Amino acid sequence: MFTVDLSVEKTQMTSDEVLLLQKNIAFWLNTPRGSLPQMRDFGLNYDVIDEPLQTFKMKITVDTISKVRELYGVKIKTINVTADENGKATLKITI
């Protein structure tokens, strides 16, 4: 449902670490909050999916920025959310 296009600027991270971070963010986005036993706060709040596009973009941006910082310890510089006519959302994230 969600894909992540991650780019990292000026970092000490290796390419393997960047790939792992991209996979972790994609896993977080594609996990409905409350669906993992023992980790009920993990995942995206899927209530935003039925919101109008602009509201969806705003809420997913805020949620992603705060949770990525909290869970993975990285600060997002830019985030761009796009959605196509089939309902697939893509997040382009720069760290």
N, C-alpha and C. Protein backbone atom coordinates (compact mmCIF):
# COMPACT_ATOMS: atom_id res chain seq x y z
N MET A 1 0.82 -1.19 0.00
CA MET A 1 0.00 0.00 0.00
C MET A 1 0.86 1.26 0.00
N PHE A 2 1.89 1.30 0.84
CA PHE A 2 2.79 2.45 0.89
C PHE A 2 4.17 2.03 0.43
N THR A 3 4.82 2.90 -0.34
CA THR A 3 6.22 2.67 -0.70
C THR A 3 7.03 3.85 -0.21
N VAL A 4 8.30 3.61 0.02
CA VAL A 4 9.19 4.64 0.55
C VAL A 4 10.36 4.81 -0.40
N ASP A 5 10.61 6.04 -0.80
CA ASP A 5 11.78 6.41 -1.59
C ASP A 5 12.64 7.26 -0.66
N LEU A 6 13.72 6.68 -0.14
CA LEU A 6 14.53 7.33 0.88
C LEU A 6 15.85 7.79 0.30
N SER A 7 16.19 9.05 0.55
CA SER A 7 17.53 9.53 0.19
C SER A 7 18.16 10.14 1.44
N VAL A 8 19.44 9.92 1.57
CA VAL A 8 20.17 10.37 2.75
C VAL A 8 21.26 11.32 2.30
N GLU A 9 21.28 12.50 2.90
CA GLU A 9 22.29 13.51 2.56
C GLU A 9 23.37 13.55 3.63
N LYS A 10 24.62 13.57 3.22
CA LYS A 10 25.76 13.76 4.11
C LYS A 10 25.62 12.98 5.40
N THR A 11 25.91 11.72 5.34
CA THR A 11 25.71 10.87 6.51
C THR A 11 26.91 9.97 6.76
N GLN A 12 26.96 9.46 7.95
CA GLN A 12 27.96 8.46 8.31
C GLN A 12 27.39 7.05 8.11
N MET A 13 26.14 6.96 7.63
CA MET A 13 25.49 5.67 7.45
C MET A 13 26.05 4.96 6.22
N THR A 14 26.20 3.65 6.33
CA THR A 14 26.63 2.85 5.18
C THR A 14 25.42 2.61 4.28
N SER A 15 25.66 2.11 3.09
CA SER A 15 24.55 1.83 2.18
C SER A 15 23.64 0.74 2.75
N ASP A 16 24.21 -0.21 3.48
CA ASP A 16 23.39 -1.25 4.12
C ASP A 16 22.50 -0.66 5.21
N GLU A 17 23.02 0.30 5.96
CA GLU A 17 22.23 0.95 7.01
C GLU A 17 21.10 1.77 6.41
N VAL A 18 21.37 2.43 5.29
CA VAL A 18 20.34 3.20 4.60
C VAL A 18 19.24 2.27 4.10
N LEU A 19 19.62 1.15 3.51
CA LEU A 19 18.65 0.17 3.03
C LEU A 19 17.81 -0.39 4.17
N LEU A 20 18.44 -0.69 5.30
CA LEU A 20 17.71 -1.19 6.46
C LEU A 20 16.73 -0.14 6.99
N LEU A 21 17.17 1.12 7.04
CA LEU A 21 16.28 2.19 7.49
C LEU A 21 15.08 2.32 6.55
N GLN A 22 15.31 2.23 5.25
CA GLN A 22 14.22 2.30 4.28
C GLN A 22 13.23 1.16 4.50
N LYS A 23 13.74 -0.04 4.71
CA LYS A 23 12.86 -1.19 4.96
C LYS A 23 12.08 -1.02 6.26
N ASN A 24 12.74 -0.50 7.30
CA ASN A 24 12.07 -0.29 8.58
C ASN A 24 10.96 0.74 8.47
N ILE A 25 11.21 1.83 7.76
CA ILE A 25 10.18 2.86 7.59
C ILE A 25 9.02 2.31 6.77
N ALA A 26 9.32 1.55 5.71
CA ALA A 26 8.25 0.95 4.91
C ALA A 26 7.43 -0.02 5.74
N PHE A 27 8.09 -0.81 6.59
CA PHE A 27 7.37 -1.74 7.47
C PHE A 27 6.47 -0.98 8.43
N TRP A 28 6.99 0.10 9.00
CA TRP A 28 6.19 0.92 9.92
C TRP A 28 4.96 1.48 9.21
N LEU A 29 5.14 2.01 8.00
CA LEU A 29 4.03 2.59 7.24
C LEU A 29 2.97 1.56 6.88
N ASN A 30 3.39 0.35 6.62
CA ASN A 30 2.46 -0.69 6.16
C ASN A 30 1.90 -1.54 7.30
N THR A 31 2.17 -1.14 8.52
CA THR A 31 1.64 -1.83 9.69
C THR A 31 0.57 -0.96 10.34
N PRO A 32 -0.68 -1.42 10.38
CA PRO A 32 -1.71 -0.64 11.07
C PRO A 32 -1.41 -0.55 12.57
N ARG A 33 -1.48 0.66 13.11
CA ARG A 33 -1.23 0.85 14.54
C ARG A 33 -2.17 -0.03 15.35
N GLY A 34 -1.60 -0.72 16.31
CA GLY A 34 -2.39 -1.59 17.18
C GLY A 34 -2.44 -3.03 16.73
N SER A 35 -1.84 -3.35 15.59
CA SER A 35 -1.96 -4.72 15.06
C SER A 35 -0.85 -5.66 15.53
N LEU A 36 0.22 -5.14 16.11
CA LEU A 36 1.30 -6.00 16.58
C LEU A 36 1.15 -6.25 18.08
N PRO A 37 1.01 -7.51 18.48
CA PRO A 37 0.97 -7.80 19.91
C PRO A 37 2.27 -7.34 20.57
N GLN A 38 2.19 -6.87 21.77
CA GLN A 38 3.33 -6.39 22.56
C GLN A 38 3.85 -5.03 22.08
N MET A 39 3.38 -4.54 20.93
CA MET A 39 3.84 -3.25 20.40
C MET A 39 2.63 -2.50 19.83
N ARG A 40 1.64 -2.26 20.64
CA ARG A 40 0.38 -1.68 20.16
C ARG A 40 0.53 -0.25 19.64
N ASP A 41 1.60 0.45 20.02
CA ASP A 41 1.79 1.82 19.55
C ASP A 41 2.58 1.88 18.24
N PHE A 42 3.04 0.74 17.73
CA PHE A 42 3.83 0.69 16.51
C PHE A 42 2.92 0.70 15.29
N GLY A 43 3.31 1.44 14.27
CA GLY A 43 2.57 1.45 13.01
C GLY A 43 1.87 2.77 12.77
N LEU A 44 1.35 2.88 11.57
CA LEU A 44 0.66 4.09 11.12
C LEU A 44 -0.81 4.04 11.54
N ASN A 45 -1.34 5.18 11.92
CA ASN A 45 -2.76 5.29 12.23
C ASN A 45 -3.53 5.24 10.91
N TYR A 46 -4.17 4.12 10.62
CA TYR A 46 -4.84 3.92 9.34
C TYR A 46 -6.17 4.67 9.23
N ASP A 47 -6.58 5.36 10.27
CA ASP A 47 -7.79 6.18 10.17
C ASP A 47 -7.62 7.29 9.13
N VAL A 48 -6.38 7.66 8.81
CA VAL A 48 -6.13 8.75 7.87
C VAL A 48 -6.40 8.35 6.42
N ILE A 49 -6.49 7.07 6.14
CA ILE A 49 -6.62 6.60 4.76
C ILE A 49 -7.90 7.11 4.09
N ASP A 50 -8.98 7.23 4.83
CA ASP A 50 -10.25 7.66 4.25
C ASP A 50 -10.44 9.18 4.27
N GLU A 51 -9.43 9.91 4.69
CA GLU A 51 -9.51 11.37 4.73
C GLU A 51 -9.36 11.94 3.31
N PRO A 52 -9.81 13.18 3.10
CA PRO A 52 -9.52 13.86 1.82
C PRO A 52 -8.00 13.93 1.62
N LEU A 53 -7.58 14.01 0.37
CA LEU A 53 -6.16 13.90 0.03
C LEU A 53 -5.27 14.87 0.81
N GLN A 54 -5.65 16.13 0.89
CA GLN A 54 -4.80 17.11 1.58
C GLN A 54 -4.70 16.81 3.07
N THR A 55 -5.81 16.40 3.68
CA THR A 55 -5.80 16.03 5.09
C THR A 55 -4.96 14.78 5.30
N PHE A 56 -5.10 13.82 4.40
CA PHE A 56 -4.30 12.59 4.45
C PHE A 56 -2.81 12.93 4.41
N LYS A 57 -2.41 13.78 3.46
CA LYS A 57 -1.00 14.15 3.33
C LYS A 57 -0.48 14.82 4.59
N MET A 58 -1.27 15.74 5.14
CA MET A 58 -0.84 16.46 6.34
C MET A 58 -0.67 15.50 7.52
N LYS A 59 -1.66 14.65 7.76
CA LYS A 59 -1.61 13.76 8.92
C LYS A 59 -0.53 12.70 8.79
N ILE A 60 -0.35 12.15 7.59
CA ILE A 60 0.68 11.12 7.42
C ILE A 60 2.07 11.74 7.54
N THR A 61 2.22 12.97 7.09
CA THR A 61 3.51 13.66 7.22
C THR A 61 3.87 13.88 8.68
N VAL A 62 2.93 14.40 9.45
CA VAL A 62 3.18 14.67 10.87
C VAL A 62 3.47 13.37 11.61
N ASP A 63 2.66 12.35 11.38
CA ASP A 63 2.84 11.07 12.06
C ASP A 63 4.18 10.44 11.69
N THR A 64 4.54 10.49 10.42
CA THR A 64 5.79 9.89 9.96
C THR A 64 7.00 10.61 10.55
N ILE A 65 7.00 11.93 10.52
CA ILE A 65 8.13 12.69 11.05
C ILE A 65 8.34 12.39 12.53
N SER A 66 7.27 12.41 13.31
CA SER A 66 7.42 12.21 14.75
C SER A 66 7.80 10.77 15.09
N LYS A 67 7.20 9.79 14.43
CA LYS A 67 7.49 8.40 14.77
C LYS A 67 8.85 7.94 14.25
N VAL A 68 9.28 8.41 13.09
CA VAL A 68 10.60 8.03 12.58
C VAL A 68 11.68 8.57 13.52
N ARG A 69 11.50 9.79 14.00
CA ARG A 69 12.46 10.35 14.95
C ARG A 69 12.46 9.54 16.24
N GLU A 70 11.27 9.19 16.72
CA GLU A 70 11.16 8.45 17.98
C GLU A 70 11.71 7.02 17.86
N LEU A 71 11.33 6.32 16.80
CA LEU A 71 11.69 4.90 16.67
C LEU A 71 13.09 4.65 16.13
N TYR A 72 13.53 5.49 15.19
CA TYR A 72 14.78 5.21 14.49
C TYR A 72 15.87 6.25 14.74
N GLY A 73 15.55 7.31 15.48
CA GLY A 73 16.54 8.29 15.87
C GLY A 73 17.09 9.14 14.74
N VAL A 74 16.34 9.30 13.67
CA VAL A 74 16.79 10.15 12.56
C VAL A 74 15.80 11.28 12.34
N LYS A 75 16.32 12.39 11.87
CA LYS A 75 15.48 13.56 11.63
C LYS A 75 15.21 13.69 10.13
N ILE A 76 13.95 13.80 9.78
CA ILE A 76 13.56 13.95 8.38
C ILE A 76 13.69 15.42 7.97
N LYS A 77 14.41 15.66 6.87
CA LYS A 77 14.56 17.03 6.35
C LYS A 77 13.37 17.41 5.49
N THR A 78 13.02 16.53 4.56
CA THR A 78 11.85 16.79 3.70
C THR A 78 11.06 15.50 3.54
N ILE A 79 9.77 15.68 3.31
CA ILE A 79 8.90 14.54 3.04
C ILE A 79 7.86 15.00 2.03
N ASN A 80 7.65 14.19 1.00
CA ASN A 80 6.67 14.51 -0.03
C ASN A 80 5.77 13.29 -0.21
N VAL A 81 4.49 13.47 0.01
CA VAL A 81 3.52 12.38 -0.08
C VAL A 81 2.74 12.52 -1.38
N THR A 82 2.72 11.45 -2.17
CA THR A 82 1.92 11.43 -3.39
C THR A 82 1.04 10.19 -3.38
N ALA A 83 -0.08 10.29 -4.06
CA ALA A 83 -0.99 9.14 -4.17
C ALA A 83 -1.47 9.06 -5.62
N ASP A 84 -1.59 7.84 -6.12
CA ASP A 84 -2.09 7.67 -7.49
C ASP A 84 -3.56 7.29 -7.48
N GLU A 85 -4.12 7.13 -8.67
CA GLU A 85 -5.56 6.85 -8.80
C GLU A 85 -5.95 5.47 -8.30
N ASN A 86 -4.96 4.60 -8.10
CA ASN A 86 -5.23 3.25 -7.59
C ASN A 86 -5.14 3.16 -6.07
N GLY A 87 -4.87 4.29 -5.43
CA GLY A 87 -4.81 4.32 -3.97
C GLY A 87 -3.44 4.00 -3.40
N LYS A 88 -2.41 3.93 -4.25
CA LYS A 88 -1.07 3.65 -3.77
C LYS A 88 -0.39 4.96 -3.40
N ALA A 89 0.12 5.03 -2.18
CA ALA A 89 0.80 6.24 -1.72
C ALA A 89 2.30 6.00 -1.70
N THR A 90 3.05 7.04 -2.07
CA THR A 90 4.50 6.99 -2.05
C THR A 90 5.00 8.15 -1.21
N LEU A 91 5.94 7.87 -0.33
CA LEU A 91 6.57 8.90 0.48
C LEU A 91 8.01 9.05 0.03
N LYS A 92 8.37 10.25 -0.39
CA LYS A 92 9.75 10.55 -0.75
C LYS A 92 10.33 11.30 0.45
N ILE A 93 11.28 10.66 1.10
CA ILE A 93 11.83 11.17 2.35
C ILE A 93 13.31 11.47 2.17
N THR A 94 13.73 12.64 2.66
CA THR A 94 15.14 13.00 2.69
C THR A 94 15.56 13.14 4.15
N ILE A 95 16.64 12.46 4.47
CA ILE A 95 17.16 12.50 5.84
C ILE A 95 18.51 13.19 5.82
